[in-house]
Amino acid sequence: MAVRSRITGVGGFVPSRVVTNHDLAAMMDTSDEWIVERTGIQQRHWAGPDDSPSGFALEAANAALTAANVAKEDIDLLLVATLSPDHFFPGTACFLQAKMGISEIPALDIRQQCTGFIYGTSIADQFIRTGMYEKVLVIGSEIHSKGLDKTDAGRDVTVLFGDGAGAIVMEATDVESTDDSQVFSTHLHADGSGADALWLSSPGMAHPDGLVTHAHLDRGDQYPKMNGRAVYVNAVKRMSEGIHDALAANEVTIDDVDLFFFHQANLRINEAVAQRLQIPAGKVYNTIQKFGNTTAATIPLGMKEAVEDGTLQPGMLVACAAFGSGFTWGSMLIRW
């Protein structure tokens, strides 16, 4: 018998405002056909003026706690993955902790962008395996819509992103066999040489002229910039490698896996990964059509949707992979 971690509850939240591709076409030079053909996205949810990432995280966290039948007071560690913090500092996890009313426990932000949820799950898994903590809350929460360039200049990036949050509760468990619910392994990677292929330049302390200046704003440095081709090629390559990592580490095959959750950045990327690995389309669970890219929230939001519609069942072998700016990528294999 060994101590491992397992996911005991999952929750998610998206704001009520739905923004369709037709809505975006009224703001910039684009069309529903253009967006669907290139990304697979049909709509996304955008936040209201008073919304915050920590507020979304609270909603997702409470849903996950309810699903796991765990009291918030029993959580030992709070992990929040986000690239859209409430403020430059302190970390969003601290704002969430105050809203939850669970002071004293450690609260940690994870700044690994689209791979943040897998990084967070890996960190939680290691703390649980060592016996330091027994119950950990891992959340991915994002608000992109307040920081997008909604003009023609920002079109290629703006059409991709949505707002939302997803959360899981992870608990220590004694396992006797590979049939028991557990996290088998996680695999994390990064290559900083691609950092400026998808990034937000300003505000930043590396600028010689200061954190944020009028010159930065005039250049549009406060909006995300992306080299789409570089991101596409690397995402397909690295997520495919990540799945191989997870399967090889546990001596299982593609055929053994019941369901795959890939980061939801672009439907074409996920289709290319599935084709490269010869994964049947029915085994890949996609939510990008209705949520867009919610970065750190995409995988837990997908898990929540799959539980609710009956696709994700107890006992299933599940593989996950993500790729994001940094470049960062990661994967994991779990028994649900």
Protein backbone atom coordinates (compact mmCIF):
# COMPACT_ATOMS: atom_id res chain seq x y z
CA MET A 1 0.00 0.00 0.00
CA ALA A 2 1.28 3.46 -0.90
CA VAL A 3 0.15 7.04 -0.28
CA ARG A 4 -0.88 8.81 -3.45
CA SER A 5 -3.10 11.75 -4.34
CA ARG A 6 -6.46 11.55 -6.05
CA ILE A 7 -8.97 14.04 -7.38
CA THR A 8 -12.11 13.91 -5.25
CA GLY A 9 -14.03 16.90 -6.58
CA VAL A 10 -14.08 19.22 -9.57
CA GLY A 11 -15.84 22.52 -10.13
CA GLY A 12 -15.99 25.33 -12.65
CA PHE A 13 -17.39 28.76 -13.29
CA VAL A 14 -17.89 31.03 -16.29
CA PRO A 15 -19.51 34.49 -16.30
CA SER A 16 -22.99 34.86 -17.75
CA ARG A 17 -22.05 37.12 -20.67
CA VAL A 18 -21.68 35.11 -23.89
CA VAL A 19 -19.71 36.72 -26.72
CA THR A 20 -20.23 35.08 -30.10
CA ASN A 21 -18.03 35.34 -33.16
CA HIS A 22 -20.71 37.59 -34.67
CA ASP A 23 -20.32 39.90 -31.69
CA LEU A 24 -16.57 40.11 -32.37
CA ALA A 25 -17.24 40.79 -36.04
CA ALA A 26 -19.07 43.94 -34.97
CA MET A 27 -15.92 45.13 -33.14
CA MET A 28 -13.20 44.26 -35.65
CA ASP A 29 -12.57 42.98 -39.16
CA THR A 30 -13.34 39.30 -38.69
CA SER A 31 -16.17 36.82 -39.26
CA ASP A 32 -17.69 33.72 -37.73
CA GLU A 33 -16.39 31.67 -40.66
CA TRP A 34 -12.82 32.98 -40.26
CA ILE A 35 -12.70 32.26 -36.53
CA VAL A 36 -14.29 28.81 -36.72
CA GLU A 37 -12.07 27.70 -39.60
CA ARG A 38 -8.85 28.77 -37.87
CA THR A 39 -9.65 28.03 -34.22
CA GLY A 40 -12.81 25.98 -33.85
CA ILE A 41 -14.20 28.60 -31.44
CA GLN A 42 -17.86 29.58 -31.77
CA GLN A 43 -18.32 31.62 -28.59
CA ARG A 44 -16.67 32.51 -25.29
CA HIS A 45 -17.71 34.01 -21.94
CA TRP A 46 -16.45 37.46 -20.92
CA ALA A 47 -16.38 39.03 -17.48
CA GLY A 48 -18.31 42.03 -16.28
CA PRO A 49 -16.64 45.25 -15.07
CA ASP A 50 -16.76 44.28 -11.38
CA ASP A 51 -15.51 40.69 -11.83
CA SER A 52 -12.07 39.51 -10.70
CA PRO A 53 -9.99 36.35 -11.16
CA SER A 54 -10.11 35.69 -7.41
CA GLY A 55 -13.89 36.05 -7.52
CA PHE A 56 -14.12 33.47 -10.31
CA ALA A 57 -11.70 31.24 -8.39
CA LEU A 58 -13.96 31.43 -5.34
CA GLU A 59 -16.94 30.18 -7.35
CA ALA A 60 -14.99 27.28 -8.85
CA ALA A 61 -13.37 26.41 -5.51
CA ASN A 62 -16.69 26.27 -3.69
CA ALA A 63 -18.13 24.03 -6.40
CA ALA A 64 -15.16 21.66 -6.17
CA LEU A 65 -15.36 21.53 -2.37
CA THR A 66 -19.05 20.70 -2.56
CA ALA A 67 -18.40 17.95 -5.10
CA ALA A 68 -15.66 16.49 -2.90
CA ASN A 69 -17.73 16.88 0.30
CA VAL A 70 -14.76 18.65 1.87
CA ALA A 71 -15.04 21.64 4.21
CA LYS A 72 -12.94 24.67 3.32
CA GLU A 73 -11.41 24.56 6.80
CA ASP A 74 -9.90 21.15 6.00
CA ILE A 75 -7.82 22.46 3.07
CA ASP A 76 -4.07 22.45 3.83
CA LEU A 77 -2.76 24.31 0.76
CA LEU A 78 -4.24 26.72 -1.77
CA LEU A 79 -2.76 26.85 -5.30
CA VAL A 80 -3.97 29.33 -7.93
CA ALA A 81 -2.72 29.15 -11.50
CA THR A 82 -3.31 32.39 -13.42
CA LEU A 83 -1.71 34.73 -15.95
CA SER A 84 -4.31 37.41 -15.22
CA PRO A 85 -3.83 38.28 -11.54
CA ASP A 86 -6.15 40.55 -9.61
CA HIS A 87 -3.19 42.92 -9.14
CA PHE A 88 0.53 43.04 -9.93
CA PHE A 89 1.07 41.95 -6.32
CA PRO A 90 0.27 40.35 -3.92
CA GLY A 91 -0.67 37.02 -5.44
CA THR A 92 -4.24 36.18 -6.42
CA ALA A 93 -4.18 33.18 -4.07
CA CYS A 94 -4.00 35.59 -1.14
CA PHE A 95 -7.04 37.53 -2.33
CA LEU A 96 -8.87 34.23 -2.81
CA GLN A 97 -7.86 33.02 0.63
CA ALA A 98 -9.36 36.12 2.24
CA LYS A 99 -12.60 35.66 0.30
CA MET A 100 -12.76 32.02 1.41
CA GLY A 101 -12.08 32.92 5.03
CA ILE A 102 -9.35 30.33 5.57
CA SER A 103 -6.37 32.22 6.93
CA GLU A 104 -2.99 30.77 7.98
CA ILE A 105 -2.64 28.03 5.35
CA PRO A 106 -0.09 28.62 2.56
CA ALA A 107 -1.45 30.32 -0.57
CA LEU A 108 0.62 30.12 -3.75
CA ASP A 109 0.32 31.63 -7.24
CA ILE A 110 1.58 29.65 -10.24
CA ARG A 111 2.59 31.75 -13.25
CA GLN A 112 2.92 29.04 -15.91
CA GLN A 113 0.15 30.34 -18.14
CA CYS A 114 -1.67 27.65 -20.12
CA THR A 115 0.32 24.89 -18.39
CA GLY A 116 -0.43 26.33 -14.96
CA PHE A 117 -3.08 23.79 -14.00
CA ILE A 118 -0.82 20.81 -14.70
CA TYR A 119 2.04 22.50 -12.85
CA GLY A 120 -0.33 23.11 -9.95
CA THR A 121 -1.56 19.52 -9.93
CA SER A 122 2.05 18.32 -9.95
CA ILE A 123 2.98 20.55 -7.01
CA ALA A 124 -0.06 19.37 -5.04
CA ASP A 125 0.75 15.74 -5.86
CA GLN A 126 4.30 16.06 -4.55
CA PHE A 127 3.19 17.68 -1.28
CA ILE A 128 0.65 14.91 -0.74
CA ARG A 129 3.06 12.10 -1.61
CA THR A 130 5.59 13.38 0.92
CA GLY A 131 2.94 13.51 3.62
CA MET A 132 3.25 17.26 4.18
CA TYR A 133 -0.38 17.96 3.23
CA GLU A 134 -3.51 15.82 2.95
CA LYS A 135 -5.98 18.07 1.14
CA VAL A 136 -5.04 20.63 -1.53
CA LEU A 137 -7.20 22.94 -3.61
CA VAL A 138 -5.87 23.60 -7.14
CA ILE A 139 -7.53 26.33 -9.19
CA GLY A 140 -7.05 27.82 -12.63
CA SER A 141 -8.75 31.21 -12.99
CA GLU A 142 -8.54 33.81 -15.74
CA ILE A 143 -10.03 37.06 -16.95
CA HIS A 144 -8.62 37.89 -20.37
CA SER A 145 -11.34 40.10 -21.76
CA LYS A 146 -10.31 43.18 -19.77
CA GLY A 147 -6.81 43.06 -21.27
CA LEU A 148 -7.40 42.36 -24.95
CA ASP A 149 -6.96 44.72 -27.90
CA LYS A 150 -10.46 44.71 -29.38
CA THR A 151 -9.41 46.45 -32.60
CA ASP A 152 -8.21 45.04 -35.90
CA ALA A 153 -4.63 45.23 -34.61
CA GLY A 154 -5.38 42.67 -31.89
CA ARG A 155 -7.75 40.46 -33.84
CA ASP A 156 -5.62 37.31 -34.09
CA VAL A 157 -5.21 37.11 -30.31
CA THR A 158 -8.52 38.56 -29.12
CA VAL A 159 -10.71 35.99 -30.89
CA LEU A 160 -9.01 33.17 -28.97
CA PHE A 161 -9.61 34.03 -25.34
CA GLY A 162 -12.44 33.60 -22.88
CA ASP A 163 -12.87 34.04 -19.13
CA GLY A 164 -13.55 31.42 -16.48
CA ALA A 165 -12.23 29.24 -13.69
CA GLY A 166 -11.87 25.55 -12.90
CA ALA A 167 -10.87 23.84 -9.66
CA ILE A 168 -10.11 20.43 -8.21
CA VAL A 169 -9.76 19.07 -4.70
CA MET A 170 -6.87 16.63 -4.29
CA GLU A 171 -6.65 14.33 -1.28
CA ALA A 172 -4.24 11.76 0.10
CA THR A 173 -5.32 8.18 -0.50
CA ASP A 174 -3.93 4.71 0.19
CA VAL A 175 -3.69 2.73 -3.04
CA GLU A 176 -3.23 -0.99 -3.45
CA SER A 177 -3.38 -1.33 -7.23
CA THR A 178 -3.41 0.66 -10.45
CA ASP A 179 -7.20 0.30 -10.49
CA ASP A 180 -7.50 2.65 -7.52
CA SER A 181 -8.27 6.35 -8.12
CA GLN A 182 -4.98 8.24 -8.11
CA VAL A 183 -2.54 10.54 -9.88
CA PHE A 184 0.02 8.20 -11.42
CA SER A 185 2.58 10.76 -12.60
CA THR A 186 3.10 14.31 -13.78
CA HIS A 187 5.72 15.56 -16.23
CA LEU A 188 6.81 19.21 -16.43
CA HIS A 189 8.98 21.02 -18.98
CA ALA A 190 9.96 24.50 -20.15
CA ASP A 191 12.09 26.17 -22.84
CA GLY A 192 12.60 29.86 -22.14
CA SER A 193 14.11 30.52 -25.56
CA GLY A 194 10.55 30.82 -26.88
CA ALA A 195 9.36 33.24 -24.21
CA ASP A 196 8.74 36.17 -26.55
CA ALA A 197 6.72 34.13 -29.05
CA LEU A 198 3.69 34.57 -26.81
CA TRP A 199 3.97 37.25 -24.17
CA LEU A 200 2.83 40.47 -22.57
CA SER A 201 5.70 42.95 -22.58
CA SER A 202 4.38 45.70 -20.33
CA PRO A 203 4.10 46.35 -17.46
CA GLY A 204 7.47 44.85 -16.62
CA MET A 205 10.58 45.56 -14.61
CA ALA A 206 12.94 44.67 -17.47
CA HIS A 207 12.11 47.88 -19.34
CA PRO A 208 14.92 50.45 -19.02
CA ASP A 209 12.40 53.29 -19.06
CA GLY A 210 10.25 51.92 -16.23
CA LEU A 211 7.38 49.61 -15.36
CA VAL A 212 4.92 51.10 -17.85
CA THR A 213 5.26 54.32 -19.84
CA HIS A 214 3.31 56.31 -22.39
CA ALA A 215 5.65 54.90 -25.05
CA HIS A 216 4.68 51.35 -24.06
CA LEU A 217 1.01 52.22 -24.27
CA ASP A 218 1.43 53.93 -27.63
CA ARG A 219 3.08 50.77 -29.00
CA GLY A 220 0.35 48.55 -27.55
CA ASP A 221 2.81 46.70 -25.29
CA GLN A 222 0.05 46.26 -22.72
CA TYR A 223 -1.68 43.78 -25.04
CA PRO A 224 -0.57 40.15 -25.60
CA LYS A 225 1.45 39.42 -28.73
CA MET A 226 1.77 36.04 -30.42
CA ASN A 227 3.80 34.36 -33.15
CA GLY A 228 0.97 32.05 -34.16
CA ARG A 229 3.01 29.73 -36.34
CA ALA A 230 5.69 29.17 -33.70
CA VAL A 231 3.08 28.48 -31.03
CA TYR A 232 1.19 26.03 -33.25
CA VAL A 233 4.26 24.01 -34.24
CA ASN A 234 5.63 23.83 -30.72
CA ALA A 235 2.27 23.05 -29.14
CA VAL A 236 1.66 20.07 -31.40
CA LYS A 237 5.19 18.76 -30.88
CA ARG A 238 5.38 19.26 -27.13
CA MET A 239 1.91 18.04 -26.18
CA SER A 240 2.50 14.90 -28.24
CA GLU A 241 5.80 14.38 -26.43
CA GLY A 242 4.08 14.99 -23.10
CA ILE A 243 1.55 12.25 -23.70
CA HIS A 244 4.38 9.89 -24.65
CA ASP A 245 6.14 10.82 -21.38
CA ALA A 246 3.10 9.98 -19.29
CA LEU A 247 2.32 6.73 -21.06
CA ALA A 248 5.91 5.48 -21.06
CA ALA A 249 6.38 6.27 -17.36
CA ASN A 250 3.42 4.08 -16.51
CA GLU A 251 3.87 1.39 -19.16
CA VAL A 252 0.50 1.92 -20.81
CA THR A 253 -0.52 2.60 -24.39
CA ILE A 254 -2.80 5.02 -26.22
CA ASP A 255 -5.39 2.25 -26.42
CA ASP A 256 -5.38 1.87 -22.62
CA VAL A 257 -6.42 5.50 -22.09
CA ASP A 258 -10.17 6.12 -21.91
CA LEU A 259 -10.19 9.91 -22.22
CA PHE A 260 -7.77 12.71 -23.16
CA PHE A 261 -7.93 16.31 -21.95
CA PHE A 262 -5.74 18.70 -23.93
CA HIS A 263 -5.33 22.39 -23.22
CA GLN A 264 -7.93 24.28 -25.23
CA ALA A 265 -5.94 26.84 -27.22
CA ASN A 266 -7.00 25.96 -30.75
CA LEU A 267 -9.08 23.04 -32.00
CA ARG A 268 -6.67 22.59 -34.91
CA ILE A 269 -3.81 22.00 -32.46
CA ASN A 270 -5.73 19.31 -30.59
CA GLU A 271 -6.80 17.64 -33.81
CA ALA A 272 -3.17 17.60 -34.99
CA VAL A 273 -2.01 16.06 -31.69
CA ALA A 274 -4.70 13.40 -31.88
CA GLN A 275 -3.77 12.63 -35.49
CA ARG A 276 -0.06 12.41 -34.69
CA LEU A 277 -0.71 10.03 -31.79
CA GLN A 278 -3.47 8.14 -33.61
CA ILE A 279 -6.02 8.91 -30.92
CA PRO A 280 -9.65 8.37 -31.96
CA ALA A 281 -11.51 11.67 -32.06
CA GLY A 282 -14.12 10.34 -29.64
CA LYS A 283 -11.51 10.00 -26.90
CA VAL A 284 -10.53 13.71 -26.95
CA TYR A 285 -12.78 15.97 -24.88
CA ASN A 286 -12.95 19.52 -26.26
CA THR A 287 -14.68 22.57 -24.82
CA ILE A 288 -13.00 25.31 -26.88
CA GLN A 289 -16.08 25.64 -29.08
CA LYS A 290 -18.06 27.30 -26.29
CA PHE A 291 -15.42 28.61 -23.85
CA GLY A 292 -12.47 29.63 -26.04
CA ASN A 293 -9.02 29.58 -24.45
CA THR A 294 -9.33 30.12 -20.70
CA THR A 295 -5.61 29.25 -20.26
CA ALA A 296 -5.08 27.75 -16.78
CA ALA A 297 -8.80 26.97 -16.45
CA THR A 298 -9.29 24.92 -19.64
CA ILE A 299 -8.50 21.43 -18.33
CA PRO A 300 -10.44 21.60 -15.04
CA LEU A 301 -13.36 23.28 -16.83
CA GLY A 302 -13.30 20.40 -19.29
CA MET A 303 -13.24 17.85 -16.46
CA LYS A 304 -16.21 19.56 -14.82
CA GLU A 305 -18.17 19.52 -18.08
CA ALA A 306 -17.27 15.88 -18.73
CA VAL A 307 -18.43 14.82 -15.26
CA GLU A 308 -21.71 16.67 -15.67
CA ASP A 309 -22.51 15.20 -19.09
CA GLY A 310 -21.51 11.68 -18.02
CA THR A 311 -18.47 11.36 -20.30
CA LEU A 312 -15.97 11.16 -17.43
CA GLN A 313 -16.72 8.17 -15.22
CA PRO A 314 -15.04 6.75 -12.09
CA GLY A 315 -12.33 4.23 -12.93
CA MET A 316 -11.40 5.80 -16.26
CA LEU A 317 -7.74 6.15 -17.20
CA VAL A 318 -7.25 9.81 -18.16
CA ALA A 319 -4.30 11.54 -19.83
CA CYS A 320 -3.86 15.33 -19.89
CA ALA A 321 -1.41 17.59 -21.72
CA ALA A 322 -0.95 21.35 -21.99
CA PHE A 323 1.33 23.82 -23.72
CA GLY A 324 1.66 27.52 -23.08
CA SER A 325 3.78 30.62 -23.19
CA GLY A 326 7.21 30.44 -21.69
CA PHE A 327 7.34 28.03 -23.50
CA THR A 328 6.01 25.63 -20.89
CA TRP A 329 4.39 22.25 -21.29
CA GLY A 330 3.37 19.32 -19.16
CA SER A 331 1.33 16.15 -18.93
CA MET A 332 -0.16 13.75 -16.41
CA LEU A 333 -1.86 10.37 -16.16
CA ILE A 334 -4.58 9.76 -13.62
CA ARG A 335 -7.16 7.16 -12.64
CA TRP A 336 -10.42 9.04 -12.13
